């Protein structure tokens, strides 16, 4: 009962995701070939998401200001983080650290807006 939008800036990966959605007949999943910076400026993505997830982008603080406009009020932003780093309490203009998950397969920081 969720809708998934995958934003991928690399054309080959975006095409692969689009084909996978079609071949698996995932009616609630779409892939968009855009850079997140461009997506954040498009009206159809502003304030649309309850959750935004990034992987392998380095410091989540670097992309927080890009992701933030796409979140709904009280939306969450989850990102992979380096295990040896400390997760900042505040990133972007209002994303506060809700929790950090250190697991067997990596570390994730979950931030929430409007808290």
PDB file of N, CA and C in Angstrom:
ATOM      1  N   UNK A   1       0.809  -1.203   0.000  1.00  0.00           N
ATOM      2  CA  UNK A   1       0.000   0.000   0.000  1.00  0.00           C
ATOM      3  C   UNK A   1       0.849   1.263   0.000  1.00  0.00           C
ATOM      4  N   UNK A   2       2.015   1.208  -0.617  1.00  0.00           N
ATOM      5  CA  UNK A   2       2.862   2.395  -0.711  1.00  0.00           C
ATOM      6  C   UNK A   2       3.199   2.655  -2.171  1.00  0.00           C
ATOM      7  N   UNK A   3       3.513   3.884  -2.458  1.00  0.00           N
ATOM      8  CA  UNK A   3       4.015   4.260  -3.779  1.00  0.00           C
ATOM      9  C   UNK A   3       5.497   4.549  -3.636  1.00  0.00           C
ATOM     10  N   UNK A   4       6.274   4.063  -4.589  1.00  0.00           N
ATOM     11  CA  UNK A   4       7.719   4.224  -4.560  1.00  0.00           C
ATOM     12  C   UNK A   4       8.158   4.962  -5.822  1.00  0.00           C
ATOM     13  N   UNK A   5       8.924   6.019  -5.622  1.00  0.00           N
ATOM     14  CA  UNK A   5       9.521   6.748  -6.732  1.00  0.00           C
ATOM     15  C   UNK A   5      11.030   6.694  -6.555  1.00  0.00           C
ATOM     16  N   UNK A   6      11.707   6.124  -7.539  1.00  0.00           N
ATOM     17  CA  UNK A   6      13.169   6.028  -7.496  1.00  0.00           C
ATOM     18  C   UNK A   6      13.749   7.105  -8.411  1.00  0.00           C
ATOM     19  N   UNK A   7      14.562   7.964  -7.839  1.00  0.00           N
ATOM     20  CA  UNK A   7      15.201   9.031  -8.602  1.00  0.00           C
ATOM     21  C   UNK A   7      16.664   8.651  -8.760  1.00  0.00           C
ATOM     22  N   UNK A   8      17.067   8.466 -10.003  1.00  0.00           N
ATOM     23  CA  UNK A   8      18.435   8.025 -10.300  1.00  0.00           C
ATOM     24  C   UNK A   8      19.007   8.931 -11.376  1.00  0.00           C
ATOM     25  N   UNK A   9      20.137   9.535 -11.090  1.00  0.00           N
ATOM     26  CA  UNK A   9      20.711  10.488 -12.041  1.00  0.00           C
ATOM     27  C   UNK A   9      21.448   9.820 -13.191  1.00  0.00           C
ATOM     28  N   UNK A  10      21.940   8.604 -13.006  1.00  0.00           N
ATOM     29  CA  UNK A  10      22.677   7.918 -14.072  1.00  0.00           C
ATOM     30  C   UNK A  10      21.680   7.274 -15.038  1.00  0.00           C
ATOM     31  N   UNK A  11      21.796   7.637 -16.309  1.00  0.00           N
ATOM     32  CA  UNK A  11      20.816   7.222 -17.310  1.00  0.00           C
ATOM     33  C   UNK A  11      20.678   5.701 -17.415  1.00  0.00           C
ATOM     34  N   UNK A  12      21.784   4.979 -17.460  1.00  0.00           N
ATOM     35  CA  UNK A  12      21.707   3.516 -17.593  1.00  0.00           C
ATOM     36  C   UNK A  12      21.006   2.871 -16.399  1.00  0.00           C
ATOM     37  N   UNK A  13      21.298   3.359 -15.215  1.00  0.00           N
ATOM     38  CA  UNK A  13      20.650   2.804 -14.020  1.00  0.00           C
ATOM     39  C   UNK A  13      19.161   3.149 -14.002  1.00  0.00           C
ATOM     40  N   UNK A  14      18.818   4.363 -14.390  1.00  0.00           N
ATOM     41  CA  UNK A  14      17.411   4.763 -14.433  1.00  0.00           C
ATOM     42  C   UNK A  14      16.640   3.906 -15.435  1.00  0.00           C
ATOM     43  N   UNK A  15      17.227   3.649 -16.597  1.00  0.00           N
ATOM     44  CA  UNK A  15      16.578   2.797 -17.594  1.00  0.00           C
ATOM     45  C   UNK A  15      16.394   1.378 -17.068  1.00  0.00           C
ATOM     46  N   UNK A  16      17.419   0.862 -16.375  1.00  0.00           N
ATOM     47  CA  UNK A  16      17.302  -0.469 -15.783  1.00  0.00           C
ATOM     48  C   UNK A  16      16.148  -0.512 -14.779  1.00  0.00           C
ATOM     49  N   UNK A  17      16.054   0.487 -13.921  1.00  0.00           N
ATOM     50  CA  UNK A  17      14.978   0.536 -12.932  1.00  0.00           C
ATOM     51  C   UNK A  17      13.610   0.637 -13.601  1.00  0.00           C
ATOM     52  N   UNK A  18      13.506   1.437 -14.655  1.00  0.00           N
ATOM     53  CA  UNK A  18      12.250   1.554 -15.386  1.00  0.00           C
ATOM     54  C   UNK A  18      11.838   0.214 -15.987  1.00  0.00           C
ATOM     55  N   UNK A  19      12.797  -0.478 -16.618  1.00  0.00           N
ATOM     56  CA  UNK A  19      12.500  -1.798 -17.206  1.00  0.00           C
ATOM     57  C   UNK A  19      12.117  -2.806 -16.140  1.00  0.00           C
ATOM     58  N   UNK A  20      12.812  -2.767 -15.007  1.00  0.00           N
ATOM     59  CA  UNK A  20      12.495  -3.702 -13.922  1.00  0.00           C
ATOM     60  C   UNK A  20      11.073  -3.463 -13.405  1.00  0.00           C
ATOM     61  N   UNK A  21      10.686  -2.228 -13.250  1.00  0.00           N
ATOM     62  CA  UNK A  21       9.321  -1.921 -12.793  1.00  0.00           C
ATOM     63  C   UNK A  21       8.284  -2.447 -13.776  1.00  0.00           C
ATOM     64  N   UNK A  22       8.549  -2.246 -15.078  1.00  0.00           N
ATOM     65  CA  UNK A  22       7.607  -2.715 -16.097  1.00  0.00           C
ATOM     66  C   UNK A  22       7.546  -4.243 -16.143  1.00  0.00           C
ATOM     67  N   UNK A  23       8.716  -4.879 -16.160  1.00  0.00           N
ATOM     68  CA  UNK A  23       8.726  -6.337 -16.293  1.00  0.00           C
ATOM     69  C   UNK A  23       8.161  -7.034 -15.056  1.00  0.00           C
ATOM     70  N   UNK A  24       8.309  -6.420 -13.889  1.00  0.00           N
ATOM     71  CA  UNK A  24       7.739  -6.993 -12.656  1.00  0.00           C
ATOM     72  C   UNK A  24       6.303  -6.521 -12.424  1.00  0.00           C
ATOM     73  N   UNK A  25       5.810  -5.686 -13.338  1.00  0.00           N
ATOM     74  CA  UNK A  25       4.454  -5.147 -13.273  1.00  0.00           C
ATOM     75  C   UNK A  25       4.165  -4.483 -11.915  1.00  0.00           C
ATOM     76  N   UNK A  26       5.123  -3.666 -11.509  1.00  0.00           N
ATOM     77  CA  UNK A  26       4.977  -2.931 -10.254  1.00  0.00           C
ATOM     78  C   UNK A  26       4.231  -1.636 -10.534  1.00  0.00           C
ATOM     79  N   UNK A  27       2.941  -1.654 -10.316  1.00  0.00           N
ATOM     80  CA  UNK A  27       2.117  -0.488 -10.618  1.00  0.00           C
ATOM     81  C   UNK A  27       2.349   0.658  -9.642  1.00  0.00           C
ATOM     82  N   UNK A  28       2.894   0.355  -8.475  1.00  0.00           N
ATOM     83  CA  UNK A  28       3.101   1.394  -7.461  1.00  0.00           C
ATOM     84  C   UNK A  28       4.556   1.866  -7.402  1.00  0.00           C
ATOM     85  N   UNK A  29       5.378   1.457  -8.380  1.00  0.00           N
ATOM     86  CA  UNK A  29       6.787   1.860  -8.396  1.00  0.00           C
ATOM     87  C   UNK A  29       7.128   2.493  -9.745  1.00  0.00           C
ATOM     88  N   UNK A  30       7.824   3.630  -9.677  1.00  0.00           N
ATOM     89  CA  UNK A  30       8.272   4.295 -10.887  1.00  0.00           C
ATOM     90  C   UNK A  30       9.722   4.712 -10.719  1.00  0.00           C
ATOM     91  N   UNK A  31      10.396   4.811 -11.839  1.00  0.00           N
ATOM     92  CA  UNK A  31      11.779   5.277 -11.842  1.00  0.00           C
ATOM     93  C   UNK A  31      11.845   6.544 -12.688  1.00  0.00           C
ATOM     94  N   UNK A  32      12.603   7.508 -12.205  1.00  0.00           N
ATOM     95  CA  UNK A  32      12.737   8.793 -12.884  1.00  0.00           C
ATOM     96  C   UNK A  32      14.218   9.062 -13.107  1.00  0.00           C
ATOM     97  N   UNK A  33      14.574   9.366 -14.326  1.00  0.00           N
ATOM     98  CA  UNK A  33      15.960   9.668 -14.658  1.00  0.00           C
ATOM     99  C   UNK A  33      16.265  11.142 -14.475  1.00  0.00           C
ATOM    100  N   UNK A  34      16.566  11.525 -13.237  1.00  0.00           N
ATOM    101  CA  UNK A  34      16.868  12.920 -12.907  1.00  0.00           C
ATOM    102  C   UNK A  34      17.918  12.980 -11.809  1.00  0.00           C
ATOM    103  N   UNK A  35      18.640  14.059 -11.775  1.00  0.00           N
ATOM    104  CA  UNK A  35      19.483  14.353 -10.633  1.00  0.00           C
ATOM    105  C   UNK A  35      18.561  14.850  -9.517  1.00  0.00           C
ATOM    106  N   UNK A  36      18.867  14.520  -8.286  1.00  0.00           N
ATOM    107  CA  UNK A  36      18.024  14.933  -7.156  1.00  0.00           C
ATOM    108  C   UNK A  36      17.877  16.454  -7.099  1.00  0.00           C
ATOM    109  N   UNK A  37      18.905  17.187  -7.484  1.00  0.00           N
ATOM    110  CA  UNK A  37      18.815  18.647  -7.479  1.00  0.00           C
ATOM    111  C   UNK A  37      17.726  19.131  -8.427  1.00  0.00           C
ATOM    112  N   UNK A  38      17.639  18.506  -9.595  1.00  0.00           N
ATOM    113  CA  UNK A  38      16.614  18.875 -10.563  1.00  0.00           C
ATOM    114  C   UNK A  38      15.232  18.441 -10.084  1.00  0.00           C
ATOM    115  N   UNK A  39      15.152  17.251  -9.515  1.00  0.00           N
ATOM    116  CA  UNK A  39      13.875  16.744  -9.012  1.00  0.00           C
ATOM    117  C   UNK A  39      13.323  17.654  -7.919  1.00  0.00           C
ATOM    118  N   UNK A  40      14.184  18.160  -7.054  1.00  0.00           N
ATOM    119  CA  UNK A  40      13.749  19.011  -5.943  1.00  0.00           C
ATOM    120  C   UNK A  40      13.142  20.321  -6.425  1.00  0.00           C
ATOM    121  N   UNK A  41      13.438  20.725  -7.651  1.00  0.00           N
ATOM    122  CA  UNK A  41      12.895  21.968  -8.197  1.00  0.00           C
ATOM    123  C   UNK A  41      11.609  21.746  -9.001  1.00  0.00           C
ATOM    124  N   UNK A  42      11.240  20.498  -9.207  1.00  0.00           N
ATOM    125  CA  UNK A  42      10.037  20.213  -9.984  1.00  0.00           C
ATOM    126  C   UNK A  42       8.813  20.188  -9.066  1.00  0.00           C
ATOM    127  N   UNK A  43       7.771  20.909  -9.440  1.00  0.00           N
ATOM    128  CA  UNK A  43       6.589  21.019  -8.575  1.00  0.00           C
ATOM    129  C   UNK A  43       5.988  19.672  -8.172  1.00  0.00           C
ATOM    130  N   UNK A  44       6.055  18.679  -9.045  1.00  0.00           N
ATOM    131  CA  UNK A  44       5.444  17.388  -8.722  1.00  0.00           C
ATOM    132  C   UNK A  44       6.184  16.618  -7.627  1.00  0.00           C
ATOM    133  N   UNK A  45       7.390  17.066  -7.286  1.00  0.00           N
ATOM    134  CA  UNK A  45       8.147  16.401  -6.231  1.00  0.00           C
ATOM    135  C   UNK A  45       8.208  17.197  -4.928  1.00  0.00           C
ATOM    136  N   UNK A  46       7.822  18.452  -4.961  1.00  0.00           N
ATOM    137  CA  UNK A  46       7.891  19.294  -3.764  1.00  0.00           C
ATOM    138  C   UNK A  46       6.816  18.858  -2.764  1.00  0.00           C
ATOM    139  N   UNK A  47       7.244  18.556  -1.542  1.00  0.00           N
ATOM    140  CA  UNK A  47       6.328  18.160  -0.477  1.00  0.00           C
ATOM    141  C   UNK A  47       5.591  16.856  -0.731  1.00  0.00           C
ATOM    142  N   UNK A  48       6.169  15.971  -1.500  1.00  0.00           N
ATOM    143  CA  UNK A  48       5.463  14.760  -1.931  1.00  0.00           C
ATOM    144  C   UNK A  48       5.769  13.521  -1.092  1.00  0.00           C
ATOM    145  N   UNK A  49       6.937  13.439  -0.486  1.00  0.00           N
ATOM    146  CA  UNK A  49       7.386  12.173   0.081  1.00  0.00           C
ATOM    147  C   UNK A  49       7.338  12.134   1.615  1.00  0.00           C
ATOM    148  N   UNK A  50       6.892  11.012   2.128  1.00  0.00           N
ATOM    149  CA  UNK A  50       6.939  10.749   3.567  1.00  0.00           C
ATOM    150  C   UNK A  50       8.339  10.303   3.978  1.00  0.00           C
ATOM    151  N   UNK A  51       9.038   9.666   3.050  1.00  0.00           N
ATOM    152  CA  UNK A  51      10.374   9.132   3.320  1.00  0.00           C
ATOM    153  C   UNK A  51      11.228   9.269   2.076  1.00  0.00           C
ATOM    154  N   UNK A  52      12.421   9.789   2.253  1.00  0.00           N
ATOM    155  CA  UNK A  52      13.423   9.830   1.188  1.00  0.00           C
ATOM    156  C   UNK A  52      14.627   9.035   1.684  1.00  0.00           C
ATOM    157  N   UNK A  53      15.156   8.174   0.830  1.00  0.00           N
ATOM    158  CA  UNK A  53      16.280   7.316   1.203  1.00  0.00           C
ATOM    159  C   UNK A  53      17.402   7.535   0.200  1.00  0.00           C
ATOM    160  N   UNK A  54      18.605   7.739   0.714  1.00  0.00           N
ATOM    161  CA  UNK A  54      19.779   7.838  -0.152  1.00  0.00           C
ATOM    162  C   UNK A  54      20.807   6.812   0.293  1.00  0.00           C
ATOM    163  N   UNK A  55      21.592   6.376  -0.666  1.00  0.00           N
ATOM    164  CA  UNK A  55      22.653   5.410  -0.366  1.00  0.00           C
ATOM    165  C   UNK A  55      23.932   5.854  -1.065  1.00  0.00           C
ATOM    166  N   UNK A  56      25.026   5.730  -0.370  1.00  0.00           N
ATOM    167  CA  UNK A  56      26.322   5.995  -0.973  1.00  0.00           C
ATOM    168  C   UNK A  56      26.529   7.422  -1.425  1.00  0.00           C
ATOM    169  N   UNK A  57      25.985   8.388  -0.698  1.00  0.00           N
ATOM    170  CA  UNK A  57      26.165   9.791  -1.099  1.00  0.00           C
ATOM    171  C   UNK A  57      27.177  10.516  -0.224  1.00  0.00           C
ATOM    172  N   UNK A  58      27.805   9.800   0.685  1.00  0.00           N
ATOM    173  CA  UNK A  58      28.745  10.457   1.592  1.00  0.00           C
ATOM    174  C   UNK A  58      28.033  11.016   2.796  1.00  0.00           C
ATOM    175  N   UNK A  59      28.354  12.236   3.152  1.00  0.00           N
ATOM    176  CA  UNK A  59      27.759  12.897   4.307  1.00  0.00           C
ATOM    177  C   UNK A  59      26.314  13.275   4.009  1.00  0.00           C
ATOM    178  N   UNK A  60      25.335  12.772   4.791  1.00  0.00           N
ATOM    179  CA  UNK A  60      23.936  13.121   4.536  1.00  0.00           C
ATOM    180  C   UNK A  60      23.674  14.623   4.604  1.00  0.00           C
ATOM    181  N   UNK A  61      24.491  15.342   5.353  1.00  0.00           N
ATOM    182  CA  UNK A  61      24.336  16.789   5.439  1.00  0.00           C
ATOM    183  C   UNK A  61      24.541  17.482   4.105  1.00  0.00           C
ATOM    184  N   UNK A  62      25.336  16.867   3.228  1.00  0.00           N
ATOM    185  CA  UNK A  62      25.599  17.459   1.918  1.00  0.00           C
ATOM    186  C   UNK A  62      24.377  17.432   1.008  1.00  0.00           C
ATOM    187  N   UNK A  63      23.499  16.464   1.193  1.00  0.00           N
ATOM    188  CA  UNK A  63      22.320  16.351   0.328  1.00  0.00           C
ATOM    189  C   UNK A  63      21.033  16.746   1.049  1.00  0.00           C
ATOM    190  N   UNK A  64      21.118  17.020   2.331  1.00  0.00           N
ATOM    191  CA  UNK A  64      19.924  17.330   3.131  1.00  0.00           C
ATOM    192  C   UNK A  64      19.133  18.500   2.563  1.00  0.00           C
ATOM    193  N   UNK A  65      19.806  19.560   2.148  1.00  0.00           N
ATOM    194  CA  UNK A  65      19.090  20.726   1.634  1.00  0.00           C
ATOM    195  C   UNK A  65      18.425  20.437   0.287  1.00  0.00           C
ATOM    196  N   UNK A  66      18.894  19.416  -0.411  1.00  0.00           N
ATOM    197  CA  UNK A  66      18.277  19.009  -1.674  1.00  0.00           C
ATOM    198  C   UNK A  66      17.028  18.173  -1.402  1.00  0.00           C
ATOM    199  N   UNK A  67      17.131  17.269  -0.443  1.00  0.00           N
ATOM    200  CA  UNK A  67      16.037  16.350  -0.123  1.00  0.00           C
ATOM    201  C   UNK A  67      14.914  17.038   0.650  1.00  0.00           C
ATOM    202  N   UNK A  68      15.273  17.948   1.510  1.00  0.00           N
ATOM    203  CA  UNK A  68      14.311  18.587   2.423  1.00  0.00           C
ATOM    204  C   UNK A  68      13.052  19.127   1.747  1.00  0.00           C
ATOM    205  N   UNK A  69      13.144  19.853   0.629  1.00  0.00           N
ATOM    206  CA  UNK A  69      11.918  20.377   0.009  1.00  0.00           C
ATOM    207  C   UNK A  69      10.984  19.288  -0.521  1.00  0.00           C
ATOM    208  N   UNK A  70      11.498  18.101  -0.759  1.00  0.00           N
ATOM    209  CA  UNK A  70      10.668  17.022  -1.295  1.00  0.00           C
ATOM    210  C   UNK A  70       9.883  16.286  -0.207  1.00  0.00           C
ATOM    211  N   UNK A  71      10.217  16.542   1.060  1.00  0.00           N
ATOM    212  CA  UNK A  71       9.548  15.853   2.160  1.00  0.00           C
ATOM    213  C   UNK A  71       8.247  16.547   2.557  1.00  0.00           C
ATOM    214  N   UNK A  72       7.301  15.740   2.966  1.00  0.00           N
ATOM    215  CA  UNK A  72       6.074  16.259   3.567  1.00  0.00           C
ATOM    216  C   UNK A  72       6.402  16.729   4.980  1.00  0.00           C
ATOM    217  N   UNK A  73       5.505  17.505   5.610  1.00  0.00           N
ATOM    218  CA  UNK A  73       5.737  17.863   7.011  1.00  0.00           C
ATOM    219  C   UNK A  73       5.908  16.594   7.851  1.00  0.00           C
ATOM    220  N   UNK A  74       6.855  16.593   8.729  1.00  0.00           N
ATOM    221  CA  UNK A  74       7.219  15.435   9.559  1.00  0.00           C
ATOM    222  C   UNK A  74       7.758  14.264   8.752  1.00  0.00           C
ATOM    223  N   UNK A  75       8.168  14.516   7.517  1.00  0.00           N
ATOM    224  CA  UNK A  75       8.763  13.464   6.689  1.00  0.00           C
ATOM    225  C   UNK A  75      10.131  13.049   7.219  1.00  0.00           C
ATOM    226  N   UNK A  76      10.571  11.898   6.779  1.00  0.00           N
ATOM    227  CA  UNK A  76      11.857  11.362   7.239  1.00  0.00           C
ATOM    228  C   UNK A  76      12.839  11.239   6.081  1.00  0.00           C
ATOM    229  N   UNK A  77      14.104  11.369   6.425  1.00  0.00           N
ATOM    230  CA  UNK A  77      15.208  11.231   5.482  1.00  0.00           C
ATOM    231  C   UNK A  77      16.172  10.206   6.069  1.00  0.00           C
ATOM    232  N   UNK A  78      16.383   9.113   5.360  1.00  0.00           N
ATOM    233  CA  UNK A  78      17.302   8.068   5.817  1.00  0.00           C
ATOM    234  C   UNK A  78      18.470   7.983   4.844  1.00  0.00           C
ATOM    235  N   UNK A  79      19.660   7.840   5.397  1.00  0.00           N
ATOM    236  CA  UNK A  79      20.845   7.789   4.555  1.00  0.00           C
ATOM    237  C   UNK A  79      21.887   6.870   5.164  1.00  0.00           C
ATOM    238  N   UNK A  80      22.651   6.240   4.299  1.00  0.00           N
ATOM    239  CA  UNK A  80      23.785   5.473   4.794  1.00  0.00           C
ATOM    240  C   UNK A  80      24.832   6.460   5.312  1.00  0.00           C
ATOM    241  N   UNK A  81      25.568   6.027   6.332  1.00  0.00           N
ATOM    242  CA  UNK A  81      26.644   6.844   6.890  1.00  0.00           C
ATOM    243  C   UNK A  81      27.837   5.955   7.164  1.00  0.00           C
ATOM    244  N   UNK A  82      28.996   6.552   7.186  1.00  0.00           N
ATOM    245  CA  UNK A  82      30.207   5.804   7.523  1.00  0.00           C
ATOM    246  C   UNK A  82      30.160   5.414   8.998  1.00  0.00           C
ATOM    247  N   UNK A  83      30.480   4.166   9.287  1.00  0.00           N
ATOM    248  CA  UNK A  83      30.395   3.664  10.651  1.00  0.00           C
ATOM    249  C   UNK A  83      31.260   4.401  11.643  1.00  0.00           C
ATOM    250  N   UNK A  84      32.374   4.931  11.191  1.00  0.00           N
ATOM    251  CA  UNK A  84      33.307   5.594  12.095  1.00  0.00           C
ATOM    252  C   UNK A  84      32.949   7.051  12.360  1.00  0.00           C
ATOM    253  N   UNK A  85      31.925   7.557  11.699  1.00  0.00           N
ATOM    254  CA  UNK A  85      31.569   8.970  11.872  1.00  0.00           C
ATOM    255  C   UNK A  85      30.459   9.146  12.896  1.00  0.00           C
ATOM    256  N   UNK A  86      30.383  10.334  13.419  1.00  0.00           N
ATOM    257  CA  UNK A  86      29.308  10.698  14.331  1.00  0.00           C
ATOM    258  C   UNK A  86      28.210  11.375  13.521  1.00  0.00           C
ATOM    259  N   UNK A  87      26.981  10.952  13.732  1.00  0.00           N
ATOM    260  CA  UNK A  87      25.855  11.566  13.023  1.00  0.00           C
ATOM    261  C   UNK A  87      25.504  12.886  13.695  1.00  0.00           C
ATOM    262  N   UNK A  88      25.413  13.944  12.892  1.00  0.00           N
ATOM    263  CA  UNK A  88      25.069  15.251  13.436  1.00  0.00           C
ATOM    264  C   UNK A  88      23.612  15.274  13.881  1.00  0.00           C
ATOM    265  N   UNK A  89      23.326  16.050  14.915  1.00  0.00           N
ATOM    266  CA  UNK A  89      21.964  16.163  15.437  1.00  0.00           C
ATOM    267  C   UNK A  89      21.032  16.928  14.507  1.00  0.00           C
ATOM    268  N   UNK A  90      21.578  17.860  13.725  1.00  0.00           N
ATOM    269  CA  UNK A  90      20.772  18.684  12.830  1.00  0.00           C
ATOM    270  C   UNK A  90      21.485  18.795  11.488  1.00  0.00           C
ATOM    271  N   UNK A  91      20.729  18.528  10.418  1.00  0.00           N
ATOM    272  CA  UNK A  91      21.255  18.746   9.069  1.00  0.00           C
ATOM    273  C   UNK A  91      20.204  19.503   8.284  1.00  0.00           C
ATOM    274  N   UNK A  92      20.611  20.127   7.191  1.00  0.00           N
ATOM    275  CA  UNK A  92      19.678  20.952   6.445  1.00  0.00           C
ATOM    276  C   UNK A  92      19.191  22.078   7.323  1.00  0.00           C
ATOM    277  N   UNK A  93      17.987  22.546   7.082  1.00  0.00           N
ATOM    278  CA  UNK A  93      17.467  23.631   7.902  1.00  0.00           C
ATOM    279  C   UNK A  93      16.673  23.132   9.106  1.00  0.00           C
ATOM    280  N   UNK A  94      16.111  21.913   9.008  1.00  0.00           N
ATOM    281  CA  UNK A  94      15.296  21.444  10.125  1.00  0.00           C
ATOM    282  C   UNK A  94      15.233  19.927  10.258  1.00  0.00           C
ATOM    283  N   UNK A  95      16.163  19.199   9.695  1.00  0.00           N
ATOM    284  CA  UNK A  95      16.159  17.742   9.829  1.00  0.00           C
ATOM    285  C   UNK A  95      16.941  17.342  11.073  1.00  0.00           C
ATOM    286  N   UNK A  96      16.247  16.788  12.035  1.00  0.00           N
ATOM    287  CA  UNK A  96      16.859  16.380  13.312  1.00  0.00           C
ATOM    288  C   UNK A  96      17.044  14.870  13.343  1.00  0.00           C
ATOM    289  N   UNK A  97      18.166  14.460  13.907  1.00  0.00           N
ATOM    290  CA  UNK A  97      18.459  13.035  14.019  1.00  0.00           C
ATOM    291  C   UNK A  97      17.407  12.371  14.895  1.00  0.00           C
ATOM    292  N   UNK A  98      16.723  11.392  14.336  1.00  0.00           N
ATOM    293  CA  UNK A  98      15.724  10.641  15.078  1.00  0.00           C
ATOM    294  C   UNK A  98      16.357   9.378  15.674  1.00  0.00           C
ATOM    295  N   UNK A  99      17.156   8.695  14.851  1.00  0.00           N
ATOM    296  CA  UNK A  99      17.896   7.536  15.361  1.00  0.00           C
ATOM    297  C   UNK A  99      18.985   7.145  14.385  1.00  0.00           C
ATOM    298  N   UNK A 100      19.929   6.426  14.915  1.00  0.00           N
ATOM    299  CA  UNK A 100      21.027   5.892  14.121  1.00  0.00           C
ATOM    300  C   UNK A 100      21.014   4.386  14.302  1.00  0.00           C
ATOM    301  N   UNK A 101      21.128   3.684  13.192  1.00  0.00           N
ATOM    302  CA  UNK A 101      21.113   2.231  13.229  1.00  0.00           C
ATOM    303  C   UNK A 101      22.469   1.712  12.768  1.00  0.00           C
ATOM    304  N   UNK A 102      23.212   1.125  13.686  1.00  0.00           N
ATOM    305  CA  UNK A 102      24.500   0.525  13.360  1.00  0.00           C
ATOM    306  C   UNK A 102      24.269  -0.975  13.240  1.00  0.00           C
ATOM    307  N   UNK A 103      24.367  -1.498  12.040  1.00  0.00           N
ATOM    308  CA  UNK A 103      24.072  -2.905  11.817  1.00  0.00           C
ATOM    309  C   UNK A 103      25.210  -3.651  11.167  1.00  0.00           C
ATOM    310  N   UNK A 104      24.955  -4.887  10.930  1.00  0.00           N
ATOM    311  CA  UNK A 104      25.941  -5.793  10.340  1.00  0.00           C
ATOM    312  C   UNK A 104      26.335  -5.346   8.926  1.00  0.00           C
ATOM    313  N   UNK A 105      25.376  -4.765   8.198  1.00  0.00           N
ATOM    314  CA  UNK A 105      25.627  -4.412   6.807  1.00  0.00           C
ATOM    315  C   UNK A 105      25.779  -2.916   6.584  1.00  0.00           C
ATOM    316  N   UNK A 106      26.081  -2.177   7.628  1.00  0.00           N
ATOM    317  CA  UNK A 106      26.306  -0.752   7.490  1.00  0.00           C
ATOM    318  C   UNK A 106      25.565   0.061   8.524  1.00  0.00           C
ATOM    319  N   UNK A 107      25.721   1.344   8.412  1.00  0.00           N
ATOM    320  CA  UNK A 107      25.104   2.282   9.355  1.00  0.00           C
ATOM    321  C   UNK A 107      24.145   3.186   8.594  1.00  0.00           C
ATOM    322  N   UNK A 108      23.050   3.514   9.266  1.00  0.00           N
ATOM    323  CA  UNK A 108      22.043   4.379   8.671  1.00  0.00           C
ATOM    324  C   UNK A 108      21.640   5.426   9.696  1.00  0.00           C
ATOM    325  N   UNK A 109      21.456   6.639   9.228  1.00  0.00           N
ATOM    326  CA  UNK A 109      20.952   7.709  10.075  1.00  0.00           C
ATOM    327  C   UNK A 109      19.571   8.087   9.566  1.00  0.00           C
ATOM    328  N   UNK A 110      18.637   8.249  10.476  1.00  0.00           N
ATOM    329  CA  UNK A 110      17.276   8.626  10.112  1.00  0.00           C
ATOM    330  C   UNK A 110      16.983   9.987  10.730  1.00  0.00           C
ATOM    331  N   UNK A 111      16.656  10.923   9.871  1.00  0.00           N
ATOM    332  CA  UNK A 111      16.357  12.291  10.285  1.00  0.00           C
ATOM    333  C   UNK A 111      14.874  12.549  10.048  1.00  0.00           C
ATOM    334  N   UNK A 112      14.300  13.439  10.843  1.00  0.00           N
ATOM    335  CA  UNK A 112      12.886  13.773  10.705  1.00  0.00           C
ATOM    336  C   UNK A 112      12.743  15.278  10.627  1.00  0.00           C
ATOM    337  N   UNK A 113      11.886  15.719   9.733  1.00  0.00           N
ATOM    338  CA  UNK A 113      11.673  17.159   9.593  1.00  0.00           C
ATOM    339  C   UNK A 113      10.587  17.634  10.554  1.00  0.00           C
ATOM    340  N   UNK A 114      10.659  18.887  10.916  1.00  0.00           N
ATOM    341  CA  UNK A 114       9.629  19.506  11.735  1.00  0.00           C
ATOM    342  C   UNK A 114       9.566  19.032  13.164  1.00  0.00           C
ATOM    343  N   UNK A 115      10.644  18.456  13.688  1.00  0.00           N
ATOM    344  CA  UNK A 115      10.636  17.962  15.066  1.00  0.00           C
ATOM    345  C   UNK A 115      11.399  18.915  15.943  1.00  0.00           C
TER     346      UNK A 115
END
